[in-house]
Amino acid sequence: MFQEYRMFTSEVISRTAFGSSYLEGEKIFYMLKKLADIVSRNSNKSRISILSKFWKTDDDVESEKLAREIQDLVIEIVKKRESKVASGEAESFGSDFLRLLVKAFNNPDEKTKILMEDLVDECKTFYLAGQETVNALLAWAVMVLAIHRDWQDKARREVMEIFGSQNPHS
């Protein structure tokens, strides 16, 4: 179930925050997961910062490669959004989270303008943290409902009160 939730939350985040589909963000999700695995694997290792400038571990090399690829993919999504506005295909940068970031990136006021690096970091954070948080929430909710059958019955009654015999919708 957890893998199904991962795909579901990825789709929801892609559509609501970035105006794209899971397939468009699938590579980003995959690379972010690999990057998180590398960070987790190395979190307890002590490092000498001077030495790491001259000698890089395999994980260092892979994480730098993944970070560059993720940045390139996010920049590609941003450029696609900007080109739609420039060509007149879209009136604005959209109505999602990415719109706020692209608008701040293109802001002529230097005080409120954000750098591309900041934009990419915000997208990475939103993708990764949003997915992991919602996955955990869904898994917990299903587990609690499985344990407490009376809560299942109450939830079913609420759905029936609101939707009757029609399928639930937003």
N, C-alpha and C. Protein backbone atom coordinates (compact mmCIF):
# COMPACT_ATOMS: atom_id res chain seq x y z
N MET A 1 0.83 -1.20 0.00
CA MET A 1 0.00 0.00 0.00
C MET A 1 0.87 1.25 0.00
N PHE A 2 2.01 1.17 0.72
CA PHE A 2 2.84 2.37 0.84
C PHE A 2 3.31 2.84 -0.53
N GLN A 3 3.64 1.89 -1.43
CA GLN A 3 4.08 2.26 -2.78
C GLN A 3 2.93 2.91 -3.55
N GLU A 4 1.72 2.41 -3.38
CA GLU A 4 0.56 3.03 -4.03
C GLU A 4 0.35 4.46 -3.51
N TYR A 5 0.50 4.63 -2.20
CA TYR A 5 0.39 5.98 -1.62
C TYR A 5 1.47 6.89 -2.17
N ARG A 6 2.67 6.35 -2.36
CA ARG A 6 3.77 7.16 -2.89
C ARG A 6 3.40 7.69 -4.28
N MET A 7 2.86 6.82 -5.12
CA MET A 7 2.47 7.26 -6.47
C MET A 7 1.31 8.26 -6.39
N PHE A 8 0.35 7.97 -5.54
CA PHE A 8 -0.80 8.85 -5.39
C PHE A 8 -0.38 10.24 -4.92
N THR A 9 0.44 10.30 -3.86
CA THR A 9 0.86 11.60 -3.34
C THR A 9 1.75 12.33 -4.35
N SER A 10 2.54 11.58 -5.10
CA SER A 10 3.38 12.20 -6.13
C SER A 10 2.51 12.86 -7.19
N GLU A 11 1.45 12.18 -7.57
CA GLU A 11 0.53 12.74 -8.57
C GLU A 11 -0.15 14.00 -8.03
N VAL A 12 -0.61 13.94 -6.79
CA VAL A 12 -1.30 15.09 -6.20
C VAL A 12 -0.34 16.28 -6.09
N ILE A 13 0.87 16.04 -5.60
CA ILE A 13 1.84 17.14 -5.48
C ILE A 13 2.18 17.69 -6.86
N SER A 14 2.41 16.83 -7.83
CA SER A 14 2.75 17.29 -9.18
C SER A 14 1.65 18.16 -9.77
N ARG A 15 0.41 17.73 -9.61
CA ARG A 15 -0.71 18.49 -10.18
C ARG A 15 -0.99 19.79 -9.44
N THR A 16 -1.08 19.73 -8.12
CA THR A 16 -1.49 20.91 -7.36
C THR A 16 -0.38 21.93 -7.20
N ALA A 17 0.84 21.50 -7.01
CA ALA A 17 1.92 22.44 -6.75
C ALA A 17 2.65 22.88 -8.01
N PHE A 18 2.71 21.99 -9.01
CA PHE A 18 3.53 22.30 -10.17
C PHE A 18 2.78 22.25 -11.50
N GLY A 19 1.49 21.98 -11.46
CA GLY A 19 0.69 21.99 -12.67
C GLY A 19 1.13 20.96 -13.70
N SER A 20 1.72 19.87 -13.24
CA SER A 20 2.17 18.83 -14.16
C SER A 20 1.61 17.49 -13.68
N SER A 21 2.07 16.41 -14.29
CA SER A 21 1.60 15.09 -13.88
C SER A 21 2.72 14.33 -13.19
N TYR A 22 2.36 13.19 -12.61
CA TYR A 22 3.35 12.34 -11.96
C TYR A 22 4.43 11.95 -12.95
N LEU A 23 4.03 11.63 -14.17
CA LEU A 23 5.00 11.19 -15.17
C LEU A 23 6.04 12.27 -15.44
N GLU A 24 5.62 13.54 -15.42
CA GLU A 24 6.55 14.63 -15.66
C GLU A 24 7.52 14.79 -14.48
N GLY A 25 7.03 14.55 -13.27
CA GLY A 25 7.88 14.69 -12.10
C GLY A 25 8.47 13.39 -11.59
N GLU A 26 8.16 12.28 -12.28
CA GLU A 26 8.59 10.96 -11.81
C GLU A 26 10.10 10.88 -11.64
N LYS A 27 10.84 11.40 -12.58
CA LYS A 27 12.29 11.34 -12.50
C LYS A 27 12.81 12.16 -11.32
N ILE A 28 12.17 13.30 -11.06
CA ILE A 28 12.56 14.13 -9.92
C ILE A 28 12.31 13.38 -8.62
N PHE A 29 11.13 12.76 -8.50
CA PHE A 29 10.82 11.99 -7.29
C PHE A 29 11.82 10.86 -7.09
N TYR A 30 12.14 10.17 -8.15
CA TYR A 30 13.08 9.05 -8.07
C TYR A 30 14.46 9.54 -7.61
N MET A 31 14.94 10.61 -8.22
CA MET A 31 16.27 11.12 -7.86
C MET A 31 16.28 11.69 -6.44
N LEU A 32 15.21 12.35 -6.03
CA LEU A 32 15.14 12.86 -4.66
C LEU A 32 15.16 11.71 -3.65
N LYS A 33 14.48 10.63 -3.98
CA LYS A 33 14.49 9.47 -3.08
C LYS A 33 15.90 8.90 -2.98
N LYS A 34 16.60 8.78 -4.11
CA LYS A 34 17.97 8.28 -4.09
C LYS A 34 18.87 9.22 -3.29
N LEU A 35 18.69 10.52 -3.46
CA LEU A 35 19.48 11.50 -2.72
C LEU A 35 19.22 11.40 -1.22
N ALA A 36 17.96 11.24 -0.85
CA ALA A 36 17.61 11.08 0.57
C ALA A 36 18.21 9.80 1.14
N ASP A 37 18.23 8.74 0.35
CA ASP A 37 18.85 7.49 0.80
C ASP A 37 20.34 7.67 1.06
N ILE A 38 21.01 8.40 0.18
CA ILE A 38 22.45 8.65 0.36
C ILE A 38 22.69 9.47 1.62
N VAL A 39 21.89 10.51 1.81
CA VAL A 39 22.04 11.34 3.00
C VAL A 39 21.81 10.52 4.25
N SER A 40 20.78 9.70 4.24
CA SER A 40 20.46 8.85 5.39
C SER A 40 21.60 7.87 5.67
N ARG A 41 22.13 7.29 4.63
CA ARG A 41 23.20 6.30 4.77
C ARG A 41 24.47 6.93 5.37
N ASN A 42 24.69 8.22 5.09
CA ASN A 42 25.92 8.87 5.52
C ASN A 42 25.73 9.80 6.72
N SER A 43 24.56 9.82 7.30
CA SER A 43 24.28 10.79 8.36
C SER A 43 25.12 10.58 9.62
N ASN A 44 25.53 9.36 9.89
CA ASN A 44 26.31 9.09 11.10
C ASN A 44 27.81 9.03 10.87
N LYS A 45 28.24 9.27 9.66
CA LYS A 45 29.67 9.21 9.36
C LYS A 45 30.31 10.57 9.64
N SER A 46 31.43 10.54 10.31
CA SER A 46 32.15 11.80 10.55
C SER A 46 33.03 12.09 9.34
N ARG A 47 33.19 13.38 9.08
CA ARG A 47 33.92 13.79 7.88
C ARG A 47 34.92 14.88 8.24
N ILE A 48 35.98 14.94 7.49
CA ILE A 48 36.96 16.01 7.61
C ILE A 48 36.76 16.89 6.38
N SER A 49 36.28 18.10 6.60
CA SER A 49 35.87 18.96 5.48
C SER A 49 37.00 19.29 4.52
N ILE A 50 38.20 19.49 5.00
CA ILE A 50 39.33 19.82 4.12
C ILE A 50 39.64 18.64 3.21
N LEU A 51 39.61 17.45 3.78
CA LEU A 51 39.90 16.25 3.01
C LEU A 51 38.85 16.00 1.92
N SER A 52 37.60 16.31 2.22
CA SER A 52 36.53 16.06 1.25
C SER A 52 36.61 16.97 0.03
N LYS A 53 37.40 18.05 0.12
CA LYS A 53 37.59 18.91 -1.06
C LYS A 53 38.51 18.25 -2.08
N PHE A 54 39.41 17.39 -1.59
CA PHE A 54 40.38 16.76 -2.48
C PHE A 54 40.02 15.32 -2.84
N TRP A 55 39.29 14.65 -1.96
CA TRP A 55 38.93 13.27 -2.18
C TRP A 55 37.44 13.09 -1.90
N LYS A 56 36.72 12.60 -2.88
CA LYS A 56 35.27 12.43 -2.74
C LYS A 56 34.92 10.94 -2.75
N THR A 57 34.01 10.59 -1.88
CA THR A 57 33.53 9.21 -1.85
C THR A 57 32.59 8.99 -3.02
N ASP A 58 32.25 7.74 -3.28
CA ASP A 58 31.30 7.42 -4.35
C ASP A 58 29.95 8.09 -4.07
N ASP A 59 29.55 8.10 -2.79
CA ASP A 59 28.29 8.73 -2.43
C ASP A 59 28.33 10.24 -2.68
N ASP A 60 29.47 10.87 -2.42
CA ASP A 60 29.61 12.31 -2.69
C ASP A 60 29.44 12.60 -4.17
N VAL A 61 30.11 11.80 -4.98
CA VAL A 61 30.05 11.99 -6.44
C VAL A 61 28.62 11.77 -6.93
N GLU A 62 27.98 10.69 -6.46
CA GLU A 62 26.62 10.40 -6.90
C GLU A 62 25.64 11.47 -6.44
N SER A 63 25.78 11.93 -5.20
CA SER A 63 24.85 12.95 -4.70
C SER A 63 25.02 14.27 -5.45
N GLU A 64 26.24 14.64 -5.79
CA GLU A 64 26.45 15.86 -6.58
C GLU A 64 25.83 15.72 -7.97
N LYS A 65 25.98 14.55 -8.57
CA LYS A 65 25.39 14.29 -9.89
C LYS A 65 23.86 14.37 -9.82
N LEU A 66 23.29 13.74 -8.79
CA LEU A 66 21.83 13.77 -8.62
C LEU A 66 21.34 15.20 -8.40
N ALA A 67 22.05 15.96 -7.58
CA ALA A 67 21.65 17.35 -7.31
C ALA A 67 21.66 18.17 -8.58
N ARG A 68 22.68 17.98 -9.42
CA ARG A 68 22.73 18.72 -10.70
C ARG A 68 21.58 18.32 -11.62
N GLU A 69 21.30 17.02 -11.70
CA GLU A 69 20.22 16.54 -12.56
C GLU A 69 18.87 17.05 -12.08
N ILE A 70 18.65 17.03 -10.78
CA ILE A 70 17.39 17.54 -10.23
C ILE A 70 17.26 19.02 -10.55
N GLN A 71 18.34 19.76 -10.36
CA GLN A 71 18.32 21.19 -10.66
C GLN A 71 17.99 21.42 -12.14
N ASP A 72 18.59 20.66 -13.02
CA ASP A 72 18.32 20.81 -14.46
C ASP A 72 16.85 20.52 -14.78
N LEU A 73 16.28 19.48 -14.16
CA LEU A 73 14.88 19.15 -14.42
C LEU A 73 13.93 20.23 -13.90
N VAL A 74 14.21 20.76 -12.72
CA VAL A 74 13.36 21.82 -12.18
C VAL A 74 13.49 23.08 -13.04
N ILE A 75 14.70 23.41 -13.45
CA ILE A 75 14.89 24.57 -14.32
C ILE A 75 14.15 24.38 -15.63
N GLU A 76 14.14 23.16 -16.14
CA GLU A 76 13.40 22.87 -17.38
C GLU A 76 11.90 23.12 -17.19
N ILE A 77 11.35 22.71 -16.05
CA ILE A 77 9.93 22.95 -15.75
C ILE A 77 9.65 24.45 -15.66
N VAL A 78 10.56 25.18 -15.01
CA VAL A 78 10.40 26.63 -14.87
C VAL A 78 10.48 27.31 -16.24
N LYS A 79 11.45 26.93 -17.05
CA LYS A 79 11.61 27.53 -18.39
C LYS A 79 10.38 27.24 -19.26
N LYS A 80 9.83 26.04 -19.12
CA LYS A 80 8.62 25.69 -19.87
C LYS A 80 7.47 26.62 -19.48
N ARG A 81 7.35 26.87 -18.18
CA ARG A 81 6.29 27.75 -17.67
C ARG A 81 6.52 29.18 -18.18
N GLU A 82 7.76 29.65 -18.13
CA GLU A 82 8.08 31.01 -18.59
C GLU A 82 7.84 31.15 -20.09
N SER A 83 8.17 30.13 -20.86
CA SER A 83 8.00 30.21 -22.30
C SER A 83 6.52 30.24 -22.70
N LYS A 84 5.67 29.56 -21.92
CA LYS A 84 4.23 29.60 -22.19
C LYS A 84 3.70 31.02 -22.01
N VAL A 85 4.19 31.71 -20.99
CA VAL A 85 3.76 33.09 -20.75
C VAL A 85 4.32 34.00 -21.84
N ALA A 86 5.58 33.82 -22.19
CA ALA A 86 6.23 34.66 -23.21
C ALA A 86 5.59 34.49 -24.58
N SER A 87 5.16 33.27 -24.91
CA SER A 87 4.56 33.01 -26.22
C SER A 87 3.07 33.37 -26.27
N GLY A 88 2.50 33.72 -25.13
CA GLY A 88 1.09 34.07 -25.08
C GLY A 88 0.18 32.87 -24.92
N GLU A 89 0.76 31.69 -24.79
CA GLU A 89 -0.02 30.47 -24.61
C GLU A 89 -0.74 30.48 -23.26
N ALA A 90 -0.16 31.20 -22.29
CA ALA A 90 -0.76 31.35 -20.97
C ALA A 90 -0.72 32.82 -20.58
N GLU A 91 -1.75 33.25 -19.85
CA GLU A 91 -1.83 34.65 -19.44
C GLU A 91 -0.91 34.97 -18.27
N SER A 92 -0.75 34.01 -17.38
CA SER A 92 0.09 34.23 -16.20
C SER A 92 0.92 32.99 -15.96
N PHE A 93 1.67 33.00 -14.88
CA PHE A 93 2.52 31.88 -14.55
C PHE A 93 1.73 30.71 -13.96
N GLY A 94 0.41 30.84 -13.86
CA GLY A 94 -0.43 29.77 -13.35
C GLY A 94 -1.04 30.12 -12.01
N SER A 95 -1.62 29.13 -11.36
CA SER A 95 -2.29 29.37 -10.08
C SER A 95 -1.85 28.37 -9.03
N ASP A 96 -0.61 27.93 -9.10
CA ASP A 96 -0.12 26.92 -8.17
C ASP A 96 1.13 27.42 -7.43
N PHE A 97 1.72 26.54 -6.66
CA PHE A 97 2.92 26.88 -5.90
C PHE A 97 4.06 27.32 -6.81
N LEU A 98 4.22 26.65 -7.94
CA LEU A 98 5.29 27.00 -8.87
C LEU A 98 5.11 28.43 -9.39
N ARG A 99 3.86 28.86 -9.57
CA ARG A 99 3.60 30.22 -10.02
C ARG A 99 4.21 31.24 -9.06
N LEU A 100 4.02 31.00 -7.76
CA LEU A 100 4.58 31.92 -6.77
C LEU A 100 6.10 31.99 -6.87
N LEU A 101 6.72 30.84 -7.07
CA LEU A 101 8.17 30.80 -7.17
C LEU A 101 8.67 31.48 -8.45
N VAL A 102 8.02 31.18 -9.57
CA VAL A 102 8.44 31.77 -10.85
C VAL A 102 8.20 33.28 -10.84
N LYS A 103 7.09 33.68 -10.26
CA LYS A 103 6.79 35.12 -10.14
C LYS A 103 7.85 35.82 -9.30
N ALA A 104 8.25 35.20 -8.18
CA ALA A 104 9.29 35.78 -7.32
C ALA A 104 10.64 35.78 -8.03
N PHE A 105 10.91 34.77 -8.84
CA PHE A 105 12.16 34.70 -9.59
C PHE A 105 12.21 35.80 -10.66
N ASN A 106 11.07 36.10 -11.28
CA ASN A 106 11.01 37.11 -12.33
C ASN A 106 10.68 38.50 -11.82
N ASN A 107 10.61 38.66 -10.52
CA ASN A 107 10.26 39.95 -9.93
C ASN A 107 11.34 40.98 -10.25
N PRO A 108 10.94 42.15 -10.78
CA PRO A 108 11.94 43.17 -11.11
C PRO A 108 12.55 43.83 -9.86
N ASP A 109 11.87 43.74 -8.72
CA ASP A 109 12.38 44.31 -7.48
C ASP A 109 13.45 43.38 -6.90
N GLU A 110 14.67 43.84 -6.88
CA GLU A 110 15.79 43.02 -6.42
C GLU A 110 15.65 42.58 -4.95
N LYS A 111 14.92 43.34 -4.15
CA LYS A 111 14.76 43.02 -2.73
C LYS A 111 13.90 41.77 -2.52
N THR A 112 12.91 41.58 -3.36
CA THR A 112 12.00 40.44 -3.20
C THR A 112 12.24 39.33 -4.22
N LYS A 113 13.17 39.55 -5.11
CA LYS A 113 13.49 38.55 -6.13
C LYS A 113 14.25 37.38 -5.49
N ILE A 114 13.95 36.15 -5.95
CA ILE A 114 14.68 34.99 -5.44
C ILE A 114 15.62 34.48 -6.53
N LEU A 115 16.65 33.80 -6.11
CA LEU A 115 17.61 33.22 -7.04
C LEU A 115 17.07 31.89 -7.57
N MET A 116 17.57 31.47 -8.72
CA MET A 116 17.17 30.18 -9.29
C MET A 116 17.51 29.05 -8.32
N GLU A 117 18.64 29.16 -7.64
CA GLU A 117 19.04 28.14 -6.67
C GLU A 117 18.00 28.01 -5.56
N ASP A 118 17.47 29.15 -5.09
CA ASP A 118 16.44 29.13 -4.05
C ASP A 118 15.15 28.51 -4.58
N LEU A 119 14.81 28.84 -5.81
CA LEU A 119 13.61 28.28 -6.44
C LEU A 119 13.72 26.76 -6.51
N VAL A 120 14.87 26.28 -6.97
CA VAL A 120 15.09 24.83 -7.09
C VAL A 120 15.02 24.17 -5.71
N ASP A 121 15.64 24.79 -4.71
CA ASP A 121 15.61 24.23 -3.36
C ASP A 121 14.20 24.16 -2.80
N GLU A 122 13.40 25.18 -3.05
CA GLU A 122 12.01 25.17 -2.59
C GLU A 122 11.23 24.04 -3.26
N CYS A 123 11.45 23.84 -4.55
CA CYS A 123 10.76 22.75 -5.26
C CYS A 123 11.17 21.40 -4.72
N LYS A 124 12.47 21.21 -4.49
CA LYS A 124 12.95 19.93 -3.94
C LYS A 124 12.33 19.67 -2.58
N THR A 125 12.31 20.68 -1.75
CA THR A 125 11.74 20.53 -0.41
C THR A 125 10.26 20.17 -0.50
N PHE A 126 9.54 20.87 -1.36
CA PHE A 126 8.11 20.63 -1.49
C PHE A 126 7.84 19.22 -2.00
N TYR A 127 8.58 18.81 -3.02
CA TYR A 127 8.42 17.46 -3.57
C TYR A 127 8.68 16.41 -2.50
N LEU A 128 9.85 16.47 -1.86
CA LEU A 128 10.26 15.42 -0.94
C LEU A 128 9.48 15.45 0.36
N ALA A 129 9.45 16.59 1.01
CA ALA A 129 8.77 16.68 2.32
C ALA A 129 7.28 16.45 2.18
N GLY A 130 6.69 16.99 1.13
CA GLY A 130 5.26 16.80 0.92
C GLY A 130 4.91 15.35 0.71
N GLN A 131 5.69 14.67 -0.07
CA GLN A 131 5.39 13.27 -0.36
C GLN A 131 5.57 12.40 0.88
N GLU A 132 6.67 12.54 1.57
CA GLU A 132 6.94 11.70 2.74
C GLU A 132 5.91 11.95 3.85
N THR A 133 5.55 13.20 4.06
CA THR A 133 4.60 13.54 5.12
C THR A 133 3.23 12.95 4.83
N VAL A 134 2.76 13.14 3.61
CA VAL A 134 1.43 12.64 3.26
C VAL A 134 1.41 11.11 3.21
N ASN A 135 2.50 10.49 2.73
CA ASN A 135 2.58 9.02 2.75
C ASN A 135 2.43 8.49 4.17
N ALA A 136 3.16 9.09 5.08
CA ALA A 136 3.10 8.63 6.48
C ALA A 136 1.70 8.85 7.05
N LEU A 137 1.09 9.98 6.73
CA LEU A 137 -0.26 10.27 7.21
C LEU A 137 -1.27 9.25 6.69
N LEU A 138 -1.22 8.95 5.40
CA LEU A 138 -2.15 7.98 4.82
C LEU A 138 -1.95 6.59 5.43
N ALA A 139 -0.71 6.17 5.56
CA ALA A 139 -0.43 4.85 6.14
C ALA A 139 -0.95 4.78 7.58
N TRP A 140 -0.73 5.84 8.34
CA TRP A 140 -1.20 5.89 9.72
C TRP A 140 -2.72 5.85 9.77
N ALA A 141 -3.37 6.62 8.92
CA ALA A 141 -4.84 6.67 8.92
C ALA A 141 -5.43 5.29 8.60
N VAL A 142 -4.86 4.61 7.61
CA VAL A 142 -5.36 3.28 7.25
C VAL A 142 -5.12 2.29 8.39
N MET A 143 -3.96 2.38 9.04
CA MET A 143 -3.68 1.48 10.15
C MET A 143 -4.66 1.71 11.31
N VAL A 144 -4.90 2.96 11.64
CA VAL A 144 -5.81 3.28 12.75
C VAL A 144 -7.23 2.83 12.40
N LEU A 145 -7.65 3.04 11.16
CA LEU A 145 -8.98 2.58 10.75
C LEU A 145 -9.07 1.05 10.79
N ALA A 146 -7.98 0.37 10.45
CA ALA A 146 -7.99 -1.09 10.49
C ALA A 146 -8.12 -1.60 11.93
N ILE A 147 -7.52 -0.88 12.85
CA ILE A 147 -7.58 -1.29 14.26
C ILE A 147 -8.94 -0.99 14.86
N HIS A 148 -9.53 0.13 14.51
CA HIS A 148 -10.79 0.58 15.11
C HIS A 148 -11.94 0.48 14.10
N ARG A 149 -12.56 -0.66 14.06
CA ARG A 149 -13.65 -0.88 13.11
C ARG A 149 -14.83 0.07 13.34
N ASP A 150 -15.05 0.49 14.57
CA ASP A 150 -16.14 1.43 14.84
C ASP A 150 -15.87 2.77 14.15
N TRP A 151 -14.61 3.14 14.03
CA TRP A 151 -14.26 4.38 13.31
C TRP A 151 -14.54 4.22 11.82
N GLN A 152 -14.30 3.02 11.29
CA GLN A 152 -14.61 2.75 9.88
C GLN A 152 -16.10 2.96 9.63
N ASP A 153 -16.90 2.39 10.52
CA ASP A 153 -18.36 2.52 10.38
C ASP A 153 -18.78 3.98 10.44
N LYS A 154 -18.22 4.72 11.37
CA LYS A 154 -18.55 6.15 11.50
C LYS A 154 -18.14 6.92 10.24
N ALA A 155 -16.96 6.63 9.70
CA ALA A 155 -16.50 7.30 8.49
C ALA A 155 -17.41 6.97 7.30
N ARG A 156 -17.83 5.70 7.19
CA ARG A 156 -18.75 5.31 6.11
C ARG A 156 -20.07 6.06 6.22
N ARG A 157 -20.60 6.16 7.44
CA ARG A 157 -21.86 6.87 7.65
C ARG A 157 -21.73 8.34 7.24
N GLU A 158 -20.60 8.96 7.60
CA GLU A 158 -20.39 10.37 7.22
C GLU A 158 -20.36 10.53 5.70
N VAL A 159 -19.66 9.61 5.02
CA VAL A 159 -19.59 9.68 3.55
C VAL A 159 -20.98 9.50 2.96
N MET A 160 -21.75 8.58 3.47
CA MET A 160 -23.10 8.34 2.97
C MET A 160 -24.01 9.54 3.22
N GLU A 161 -23.85 10.20 4.37
CA GLU A 161 -24.64 11.41 4.67
C GLU A 161 -24.34 12.52 3.67
N ILE A 162 -23.09 12.66 3.33
CA ILE A 162 -22.70 13.76 2.45
C ILE A 162 -22.98 13.45 0.98
N PHE A 163 -22.65 12.23 0.53
CA PHE A 163 -22.74 11.92 -0.89
C PHE A 163 -23.92 11.03 -1.26
N GLY A 164 -24.55 10.39 -0.29
CA GLY A 164 -25.67 9.50 -0.62
C GLY A 164 -25.18 8.35 -1.47
N SER A 165 -25.87 8.11 -2.58
CA SER A 165 -25.51 6.99 -3.44
C SER A 165 -24.55 7.36 -4.56
N GLN A 166 -24.23 8.66 -4.68
CA GLN A 166 -23.28 9.07 -5.75
C GLN A 166 -21.84 8.90 -5.27
N ASN A 167 -20.93 8.78 -6.22
CA ASN A 167 -19.51 8.60 -5.90
C ASN A 167 -18.95 9.89 -5.28
N PRO A 168 -18.07 9.77 -4.29
CA PRO A 168 -17.45 10.96 -3.69
C PRO A 168 -16.64 11.75 -4.73
N HIS A 169 -16.63 13.07 -4.58
CA HIS A 169 -15.89 13.96 -5.48
C HIS A 169 -15.41 15.15 -4.67
N SER A 170 -14.53 15.91 -5.25
CA SER A 170 -13.94 17.04 -4.52
C SER A 170 -14.97 18.10 -4.20
